[in-house]
Amino acid sequence: MQGRADGSHVWFDPIGVLIKPGQIVRWTNFNPGNSHTTTAYHPANFGKPLRIPESAKSWDSDYLLPDESFSVTFTDQGVYDYYCVPHEQAGMVGRIIVGEPEAHGGWMEAVAASSGLPDEALKAFP
């Protein structure tokens, strides 16, 4: 989690990552001037659209202050889209792909087809 000192731009770094099933992703807030969250796009989180595998467990880190961390172990293959609760409108989103991406007809197309997100968030996905 990063951000400019004046708060004019915030982002996840990296914005996208490819991992193997069973790997852990840790988010750390390196932005000294803001708190951030890592929150799955899932109906359990504020009624957001489902943008993680149906069989996967949702997550929400709650607000992370500077230098705080949060981790999730990803076991189910698929695409996991997530966002920062206070900065979704600013396009602070990320994507984790677990397993091998499929070329056509797979879970990538189902995720790409879903809507209901702010325009800035949709434009920011890798």
N, C-alpha and C. Protein backbone atom coordinates (compact mmCIF):
# COMPACT_ATOMS: atom_id res chain seq x y z
N MET A 1 0.86 -1.16 0.00
CA MET A 1 0.00 0.00 0.00
C MET A 1 0.90 1.22 0.00
N GLN A 2 0.66 2.07 -0.98
CA GLN A 2 1.51 3.25 -1.16
C GLN A 2 0.64 4.49 -1.34
N GLY A 3 1.27 5.65 -1.24
CA GLY A 3 0.57 6.90 -1.49
C GLY A 3 1.53 8.06 -1.49
N ARG A 4 1.14 9.08 -2.23
CA ARG A 4 1.92 10.33 -2.21
C ARG A 4 1.74 11.02 -0.86
N ALA A 5 2.75 11.74 -0.45
CA ALA A 5 2.73 12.41 0.85
C ALA A 5 1.56 13.38 0.98
N ASP A 6 1.16 14.00 -0.14
CA ASP A 6 0.05 14.96 -0.08
C ASP A 6 -1.32 14.29 -0.23
N GLY A 7 -1.34 12.94 -0.36
CA GLY A 7 -2.60 12.21 -0.47
C GLY A 7 -3.27 12.27 -1.82
N SER A 8 -2.60 12.86 -2.82
CA SER A 8 -3.22 13.04 -4.13
C SER A 8 -3.30 11.76 -4.96
N HIS A 9 -2.57 10.72 -4.57
CA HIS A 9 -2.61 9.46 -5.31
C HIS A 9 -2.28 8.32 -4.35
N VAL A 10 -3.08 7.25 -4.42
CA VAL A 10 -2.87 6.06 -3.58
C VAL A 10 -2.95 4.83 -4.47
N TRP A 11 -2.22 3.74 -4.09
CA TRP A 11 -2.21 2.56 -4.93
C TRP A 11 -1.67 1.35 -4.18
N PHE A 12 -1.98 0.16 -4.74
CA PHE A 12 -1.36 -1.09 -4.30
C PHE A 12 -0.15 -1.33 -5.19
N ASP A 13 0.95 -1.80 -4.60
CA ASP A 13 2.18 -2.07 -5.36
C ASP A 13 2.74 -3.42 -4.93
N PRO A 14 2.64 -4.43 -5.80
CA PRO A 14 2.16 -4.36 -7.18
C PRO A 14 0.63 -4.38 -7.22
N ILE A 15 0.09 -3.95 -8.34
CA ILE A 15 -1.36 -3.94 -8.50
C ILE A 15 -1.88 -5.32 -8.90
N GLY A 16 -1.02 -6.15 -9.46
CA GLY A 16 -1.40 -7.50 -9.86
C GLY A 16 -0.28 -8.47 -9.58
N VAL A 17 -0.67 -9.71 -9.23
CA VAL A 17 0.33 -10.73 -8.93
C VAL A 17 -0.23 -12.10 -9.29
N LEU A 18 0.65 -12.98 -9.76
CA LEU A 18 0.31 -14.36 -10.08
C LEU A 18 1.00 -15.25 -9.05
N ILE A 19 0.22 -16.09 -8.35
CA ILE A 19 0.78 -16.96 -7.32
C ILE A 19 0.27 -18.39 -7.52
N LYS A 20 0.86 -19.32 -6.77
CA LYS A 20 0.43 -20.71 -6.79
C LYS A 20 -0.56 -20.95 -5.65
N PRO A 21 -1.48 -21.91 -5.81
CA PRO A 21 -2.37 -22.24 -4.69
C PRO A 21 -1.57 -22.58 -3.43
N GLY A 22 -2.04 -22.07 -2.30
CA GLY A 22 -1.37 -22.29 -1.02
C GLY A 22 -0.41 -21.20 -0.62
N GLN A 23 -0.13 -20.26 -1.51
CA GLN A 23 0.80 -19.17 -1.17
C GLN A 23 0.07 -18.09 -0.37
N ILE A 24 0.86 -17.34 0.38
CA ILE A 24 0.37 -16.26 1.24
C ILE A 24 0.71 -14.92 0.59
N VAL A 25 -0.23 -14.00 0.64
CA VAL A 25 0.02 -12.61 0.23
C VAL A 25 -0.08 -11.75 1.48
N ARG A 26 0.92 -10.89 1.67
CA ARG A 26 0.92 -9.96 2.80
C ARG A 26 0.90 -8.54 2.26
N TRP A 27 -0.03 -7.76 2.75
CA TRP A 27 -0.10 -6.34 2.43
C TRP A 27 0.46 -5.57 3.61
N THR A 28 1.30 -4.58 3.33
CA THR A 28 1.84 -3.70 4.36
C THR A 28 1.57 -2.27 3.94
N ASN A 29 1.10 -1.47 4.87
CA ASN A 29 0.82 -0.07 4.58
C ASN A 29 2.12 0.73 4.72
N PHE A 30 2.69 1.09 3.57
CA PHE A 30 3.91 1.91 3.53
C PHE A 30 3.61 3.39 3.30
N ASN A 31 2.34 3.76 3.42
CA ASN A 31 1.94 5.15 3.21
C ASN A 31 1.85 5.84 4.57
N PRO A 32 2.81 6.73 4.87
CA PRO A 32 2.84 7.34 6.20
C PRO A 32 1.67 8.28 6.49
N GLY A 33 0.96 8.71 5.45
CA GLY A 33 -0.09 9.70 5.66
C GLY A 33 -1.51 9.19 5.58
N ASN A 34 -1.72 7.87 5.38
CA ASN A 34 -3.07 7.34 5.20
C ASN A 34 -3.21 5.97 5.83
N SER A 35 -4.43 5.65 6.21
CA SER A 35 -4.76 4.26 6.55
C SER A 35 -5.42 3.65 5.33
N HIS A 36 -5.28 2.34 5.17
CA HIS A 36 -5.81 1.62 4.01
C HIS A 36 -6.40 0.30 4.46
N THR A 37 -7.19 -0.31 3.57
CA THR A 37 -7.68 -1.67 3.79
C THR A 37 -7.32 -2.50 2.57
N THR A 38 -7.34 -3.81 2.74
CA THR A 38 -7.39 -4.75 1.63
C THR A 38 -8.67 -5.54 1.86
N THR A 39 -9.59 -5.40 0.93
CA THR A 39 -10.95 -5.93 1.10
C THR A 39 -11.38 -6.63 -0.18
N ALA A 40 -11.79 -7.89 -0.05
CA ALA A 40 -12.22 -8.66 -1.22
C ALA A 40 -13.52 -8.10 -1.78
N TYR A 41 -13.63 -8.13 -3.11
CA TYR A 41 -14.91 -7.84 -3.73
C TYR A 41 -15.80 -9.06 -3.50
N HIS A 42 -16.71 -8.92 -2.55
CA HIS A 42 -17.57 -10.02 -2.12
C HIS A 42 -18.81 -9.41 -1.47
N PRO A 43 -19.99 -10.00 -1.69
CA PRO A 43 -21.20 -9.46 -1.07
C PRO A 43 -21.13 -9.33 0.45
N ALA A 44 -20.33 -10.15 1.11
CA ALA A 44 -20.17 -10.05 2.57
C ALA A 44 -19.49 -8.75 2.98
N ASN A 45 -18.81 -8.10 2.04
CA ASN A 45 -18.12 -6.84 2.32
C ASN A 45 -18.91 -5.69 1.70
N PHE A 46 -19.83 -5.17 2.47
CA PHE A 46 -20.59 -3.98 2.08
C PHE A 46 -21.43 -4.19 0.82
N GLY A 47 -21.84 -5.46 0.55
CA GLY A 47 -22.69 -5.75 -0.59
C GLY A 47 -22.03 -5.61 -1.94
N LYS A 48 -20.72 -5.66 -1.98
CA LYS A 48 -19.98 -5.52 -3.25
C LYS A 48 -20.22 -6.74 -4.14
N PRO A 49 -20.05 -6.58 -5.46
CA PRO A 49 -20.21 -7.73 -6.36
C PRO A 49 -19.12 -8.77 -6.11
N LEU A 50 -19.46 -10.03 -6.38
CA LEU A 50 -18.52 -11.13 -6.20
C LEU A 50 -17.49 -11.11 -7.32
N ARG A 51 -16.21 -10.89 -6.95
CA ARG A 51 -15.11 -10.87 -7.92
C ARG A 51 -13.95 -11.71 -7.40
N ILE A 52 -14.31 -12.77 -6.66
CA ILE A 52 -13.36 -13.80 -6.24
C ILE A 52 -14.05 -15.13 -6.51
N PRO A 53 -13.31 -16.25 -6.52
CA PRO A 53 -13.97 -17.54 -6.75
C PRO A 53 -15.09 -17.79 -5.74
N GLU A 54 -16.18 -18.39 -6.20
CA GLU A 54 -17.32 -18.66 -5.33
C GLU A 54 -16.95 -19.48 -4.11
N SER A 55 -16.00 -20.40 -4.27
CA SER A 55 -15.62 -21.28 -3.16
C SER A 55 -14.61 -20.64 -2.21
N ALA A 56 -14.11 -19.47 -2.55
CA ALA A 56 -13.06 -18.83 -1.74
C ALA A 56 -13.65 -18.07 -0.56
N LYS A 57 -12.85 -17.94 0.47
CA LYS A 57 -13.24 -17.18 1.66
C LYS A 57 -12.97 -15.70 1.44
N SER A 58 -13.94 -14.88 1.78
CA SER A 58 -13.79 -13.43 1.68
C SER A 58 -12.83 -12.92 2.77
N TRP A 59 -12.32 -11.70 2.60
CA TRP A 59 -11.47 -11.10 3.63
C TRP A 59 -11.68 -9.59 3.67
N ASP A 60 -11.37 -9.02 4.81
CA ASP A 60 -11.35 -7.56 5.01
C ASP A 60 -10.37 -7.30 6.14
N SER A 61 -9.32 -6.56 5.83
CA SER A 61 -8.26 -6.32 6.82
C SER A 61 -8.65 -5.33 7.90
N ASP A 62 -9.73 -4.58 7.70
CA ASP A 62 -10.04 -3.42 8.51
C ASP A 62 -8.94 -2.39 8.23
N TYR A 63 -8.99 -1.25 8.87
CA TYR A 63 -8.04 -0.18 8.57
C TYR A 63 -6.66 -0.52 9.09
N LEU A 64 -5.67 -0.45 8.19
CA LEU A 64 -4.28 -0.66 8.55
C LEU A 64 -3.59 0.70 8.66
N LEU A 65 -3.04 0.98 9.81
CA LEU A 65 -2.27 2.21 9.99
C LEU A 65 -0.90 2.04 9.36
N PRO A 66 -0.14 3.12 9.18
CA PRO A 66 1.19 2.99 8.60
C PRO A 66 2.02 1.92 9.30
N ASP A 67 2.70 1.10 8.49
CA ASP A 67 3.57 0.01 8.92
C ASP A 67 2.83 -1.23 9.44
N GLU A 68 1.51 -1.23 9.46
CA GLU A 68 0.77 -2.43 9.84
C GLU A 68 0.59 -3.34 8.63
N SER A 69 0.45 -4.66 8.89
CA SER A 69 0.33 -5.66 7.82
C SER A 69 -0.88 -6.55 8.03
N PHE A 70 -1.26 -7.24 6.95
CA PHE A 70 -2.37 -8.19 6.96
C PHE A 70 -2.05 -9.25 5.91
N SER A 71 -2.33 -10.53 6.22
CA SER A 71 -2.01 -11.63 5.30
C SER A 71 -3.22 -12.51 5.03
N VAL A 72 -3.23 -13.11 3.83
CA VAL A 72 -4.25 -14.07 3.44
C VAL A 72 -3.55 -15.22 2.71
N THR A 73 -3.96 -16.46 2.99
CA THR A 73 -3.50 -17.63 2.26
C THR A 73 -4.54 -17.95 1.19
N PHE A 74 -4.10 -18.07 -0.05
CA PHE A 74 -4.99 -18.33 -1.19
C PHE A 74 -4.88 -19.79 -1.60
N THR A 75 -5.96 -20.54 -1.47
CA THR A 75 -5.94 -21.96 -1.78
C THR A 75 -6.72 -22.32 -3.05
N ASP A 76 -7.76 -21.55 -3.38
CA ASP A 76 -8.59 -21.87 -4.54
C ASP A 76 -8.10 -21.14 -5.78
N GLN A 77 -7.97 -21.88 -6.88
CA GLN A 77 -7.55 -21.27 -8.14
C GLN A 77 -8.60 -20.26 -8.60
N GLY A 78 -8.13 -19.18 -9.17
CA GLY A 78 -9.05 -18.19 -9.72
C GLY A 78 -8.52 -16.78 -9.63
N VAL A 79 -9.39 -15.85 -9.95
CA VAL A 79 -9.08 -14.42 -9.93
C VAL A 79 -9.69 -13.81 -8.67
N TYR A 80 -8.88 -13.05 -7.95
CA TYR A 80 -9.30 -12.39 -6.73
C TYR A 80 -9.10 -10.88 -6.92
N ASP A 81 -10.18 -10.15 -7.01
CA ASP A 81 -10.09 -8.69 -7.09
C ASP A 81 -10.38 -8.12 -5.70
N TYR A 82 -9.66 -7.08 -5.35
CA TYR A 82 -9.81 -6.47 -4.03
C TYR A 82 -9.64 -4.97 -4.15
N TYR A 83 -9.97 -4.26 -3.07
CA TYR A 83 -9.94 -2.80 -3.09
C TYR A 83 -9.64 -2.27 -1.70
N CYS A 84 -9.39 -0.98 -1.63
CA CYS A 84 -9.22 -0.26 -0.37
C CYS A 84 -10.53 0.48 -0.10
N VAL A 85 -11.16 0.20 1.04
CA VAL A 85 -12.46 0.78 1.33
C VAL A 85 -12.48 2.31 1.18
N PRO A 86 -11.58 3.06 1.83
CA PRO A 86 -11.70 4.52 1.70
C PRO A 86 -11.19 5.07 0.37
N HIS A 87 -10.53 4.25 -0.44
CA HIS A 87 -9.92 4.78 -1.67
C HIS A 87 -10.35 4.06 -2.94
N GLU A 88 -11.44 3.29 -2.89
CA GLU A 88 -11.94 2.61 -4.09
C GLU A 88 -12.28 3.62 -5.18
N GLN A 89 -12.93 4.71 -4.80
CA GLN A 89 -13.31 5.74 -5.78
C GLN A 89 -12.10 6.37 -6.45
N ALA A 90 -10.93 6.28 -5.81
CA ALA A 90 -9.69 6.81 -6.38
C ALA A 90 -8.97 5.76 -7.22
N GLY A 91 -9.58 4.57 -7.37
CA GLY A 91 -8.97 3.53 -8.19
C GLY A 91 -7.96 2.66 -7.46
N MET A 92 -8.02 2.62 -6.12
CA MET A 92 -7.08 1.78 -5.38
C MET A 92 -7.64 0.36 -5.31
N VAL A 93 -7.27 -0.42 -6.33
CA VAL A 93 -7.72 -1.81 -6.47
C VAL A 93 -6.52 -2.68 -6.82
N GLY A 94 -6.71 -3.99 -6.68
CA GLY A 94 -5.65 -4.92 -7.06
C GLY A 94 -6.25 -6.24 -7.50
N ARG A 95 -5.41 -7.08 -8.08
CA ARG A 95 -5.85 -8.39 -8.58
C ARG A 95 -4.78 -9.43 -8.26
N ILE A 96 -5.25 -10.57 -7.76
CA ILE A 96 -4.39 -11.72 -7.53
C ILE A 96 -4.94 -12.86 -8.38
N ILE A 97 -4.07 -13.50 -9.15
CA ILE A 97 -4.45 -14.68 -9.91
C ILE A 97 -3.76 -15.87 -9.25
N VAL A 98 -4.56 -16.83 -8.85
CA VAL A 98 -4.04 -18.03 -8.20
C VAL A 98 -4.14 -19.18 -9.19
N GLY A 99 -3.01 -19.78 -9.52
CA GLY A 99 -2.98 -20.89 -10.47
C GLY A 99 -2.66 -20.41 -11.86
N GLU A 100 -3.01 -21.21 -12.84
CA GLU A 100 -2.70 -20.92 -14.24
C GLU A 100 -3.85 -20.18 -14.90
N PRO A 101 -3.61 -19.02 -15.50
CA PRO A 101 -4.67 -18.33 -16.22
C PRO A 101 -5.14 -19.15 -17.41
N GLU A 102 -6.45 -19.11 -17.66
CA GLU A 102 -7.03 -19.81 -18.80
C GLU A 102 -7.21 -18.82 -19.95
N ALA A 103 -6.94 -19.26 -21.17
CA ALA A 103 -7.00 -18.37 -22.32
C ALA A 103 -8.41 -17.92 -22.65
N HIS A 104 -9.36 -18.84 -22.76
CA HIS A 104 -10.73 -18.50 -23.15
C HIS A 104 -11.72 -19.36 -22.39
N GLY A 105 -12.89 -18.77 -22.09
CA GLY A 105 -13.97 -19.53 -21.49
C GLY A 105 -13.77 -19.86 -20.02
N GLY A 106 -12.77 -19.29 -19.38
CA GLY A 106 -12.50 -19.61 -17.99
C GLY A 106 -12.98 -18.53 -17.05
N TRP A 107 -12.42 -18.56 -15.85
CA TRP A 107 -12.87 -17.65 -14.81
C TRP A 107 -12.49 -16.21 -15.08
N MET A 108 -11.48 -15.94 -15.92
CA MET A 108 -11.12 -14.56 -16.23
C MET A 108 -12.28 -13.84 -16.91
N GLU A 109 -12.97 -14.50 -17.84
CA GLU A 109 -14.07 -13.86 -18.55
C GLU A 109 -15.23 -13.56 -17.61
N ALA A 110 -15.50 -14.47 -16.67
CA ALA A 110 -16.59 -14.23 -15.73
C ALA A 110 -16.30 -13.02 -14.86
N VAL A 111 -15.07 -12.86 -14.42
CA VAL A 111 -14.71 -11.71 -13.60
C VAL A 111 -14.77 -10.42 -14.41
N ALA A 112 -14.27 -10.46 -15.64
CA ALA A 112 -14.26 -9.27 -16.48
C ALA A 112 -15.67 -8.79 -16.80
N ALA A 113 -16.64 -9.71 -16.83
CA ALA A 113 -18.00 -9.35 -17.19
C ALA A 113 -18.77 -8.69 -16.06
N SER A 114 -18.34 -8.84 -14.82
CA SER A 114 -19.10 -8.28 -13.71
C SER A 114 -18.95 -6.78 -13.65
N SER A 115 -19.98 -6.11 -13.13
CA SER A 115 -19.95 -4.66 -13.08
C SER A 115 -20.38 -4.20 -11.70
N GLY A 116 -20.78 -2.94 -11.59
CA GLY A 116 -21.20 -2.40 -10.31
C GLY A 116 -20.09 -1.74 -9.54
N LEU A 117 -18.95 -1.48 -10.19
CA LEU A 117 -17.82 -0.84 -9.54
C LEU A 117 -17.66 0.58 -10.05
N PRO A 118 -17.04 1.44 -9.25
CA PRO A 118 -16.77 2.80 -9.73
C PRO A 118 -15.89 2.77 -10.98
N ASP A 119 -16.11 3.72 -11.88
CA ASP A 119 -15.33 3.78 -13.12
C ASP A 119 -13.83 3.82 -12.86
N GLU A 120 -13.39 4.60 -11.87
CA GLU A 120 -11.96 4.70 -11.58
C GLU A 120 -11.39 3.35 -11.15
N ALA A 121 -12.18 2.58 -10.41
CA ALA A 121 -11.72 1.24 -10.01
C ALA A 121 -11.61 0.33 -11.21
N LEU A 122 -12.62 0.33 -12.07
CA LEU A 122 -12.58 -0.54 -13.26
C LEU A 122 -11.42 -0.20 -14.17
N LYS A 123 -11.11 1.09 -14.34
CA LYS A 123 -10.00 1.50 -15.20
C LYS A 123 -8.65 1.12 -14.62
N ALA A 124 -8.57 0.93 -13.31
CA ALA A 124 -7.28 0.70 -12.64
C ALA A 124 -6.83 -0.76 -12.66
N PHE A 125 -7.74 -1.70 -12.88
CA PHE A 125 -7.34 -3.11 -12.84
C PHE A 125 -6.30 -3.44 -13.89
N PRO A 126 -5.35 -4.33 -13.54
CA PRO A 126 -4.33 -4.72 -14.52
C PRO A 126 -4.92 -5.57 -15.63
